[in-house]
Amino acid sequence: MEYVYAALILNESDEEINEDNLTNVLDAAGVDVEESRVKALVAALEDVDIEKAVSEAAAVPAGGAAAG
C-alpha cells in the first residue's frame, strides 16, 4: 500500500509520478524500496486519471446497501 500512497502524495502535490519521484517519497518514508514494484506501479498508472479514480472510489458506499 505504501507505493500507492506515495503515488497519491505525488499526485496531490502536482508532481509527476515517475520512478525517481516515487522512489524519493518512499525513501523519505523509510520504506525498503523494490525497484520492480516502482516500475510496475508507474507503468500501471500511466494512463490513469487519478483524480477521477479517487472521486469514483469515494462515491462507492463502504459497506454496500443495508439489508431490509
Protein backbone atom coordinates (compact mmCIF):
# COMPACT_ATOMS: atom_id res chain seq x y z
CA MET A 1 0.00 0.00 0.00
CA GLU A 2 2.91 2.33 0.65
CA TYR A 3 3.60 2.56 -3.07
CA VAL A 4 0.03 3.62 -3.84
CA TYR A 5 0.09 6.16 -1.01
CA ALA A 6 3.34 7.59 -2.38
CA ALA A 7 1.72 7.95 -5.80
CA LEU A 8 -1.27 9.71 -4.22
CA ILE A 9 1.05 12.11 -2.40
CA LEU A 10 2.82 12.93 -5.66
CA ASN A 11 -0.49 13.44 -7.42
CA GLU A 12 -1.82 15.68 -4.64
CA SER A 13 1.32 17.83 -4.74
CA ASP A 14 1.13 18.12 -8.55
CA GLU A 15 4.41 16.24 -9.01
CA GLU A 16 4.97 13.83 -11.86
CA ILE A 17 4.52 10.19 -10.92
CA ASN A 18 7.74 8.70 -12.21
CA GLU A 19 10.27 6.22 -10.86
CA ASP A 20 12.59 8.84 -9.35
CA ASN A 21 9.86 10.80 -7.58
CA LEU A 22 8.13 7.69 -6.30
CA THR A 23 11.41 6.28 -5.01
CA ASN A 24 12.22 9.57 -3.28
CA VAL A 25 8.88 9.65 -1.46
CA LEU A 26 9.24 6.02 -0.40
CA ASP A 27 12.82 6.58 0.76
CA ALA A 28 11.72 9.61 2.79
CA ALA A 29 9.08 7.45 4.46
CA GLY A 30 11.65 4.82 5.38
CA VAL A 31 10.27 2.18 3.03
CA ASP A 32 12.62 -0.51 1.71
CA VAL A 33 12.08 0.25 -1.99
CA GLU A 34 11.77 -2.56 -4.52
CA GLU A 35 12.66 -1.20 -7.97
CA SER A 36 10.44 -3.72 -9.75
CA ARG A 37 7.38 -2.61 -7.77
CA VAL A 38 8.13 1.04 -8.51
CA LYS A 39 8.42 0.31 -12.23
CA ALA A 40 5.21 -1.74 -12.21
CA LEU A 41 3.21 0.96 -10.43
CA VAL A 42 4.47 3.75 -12.67
CA ALA A 43 3.57 1.66 -15.73
CA ALA A 44 0.14 0.79 -14.30
CA LEU A 45 -0.68 4.44 -13.59
CA GLU A 46 0.50 5.71 -16.96
CA ASP A 47 -2.98 6.11 -18.45
CA VAL A 48 -4.96 6.51 -15.22
CA ASP A 49 -6.72 9.74 -14.27
CA ILE A 50 -6.05 9.55 -10.55
CA GLU A 51 -8.41 12.39 -9.64
CA LYS A 52 -11.26 10.62 -11.41
CA ALA A 53 -10.40 7.25 -9.87
CA VAL A 54 -10.28 8.71 -6.36
CA SER A 55 -13.57 10.56 -6.75
CA GLU A 56 -15.28 7.44 -8.12
CA ALA A 57 -13.92 5.33 -5.27
CA ALA A 58 -15.13 7.89 -2.74
CA ALA A 59 -18.64 7.74 -4.21
CA VAL A 60 -18.99 3.98 -3.55
CA PRO A 61 -20.62 3.14 -0.20
CA ALA A 62 -18.17 1.42 2.13
CA GLY A 63 -20.42 -1.40 3.34
CA GLY A 64 -22.82 -1.72 0.48
CA ALA A 65 -26.56 -1.40 0.90
CA ALA A 66 -28.12 -2.38 4.21
CA ALA A 67 -30.33 -5.45 4.14
CA GLY A 68 -34.02 -4.75 4.62
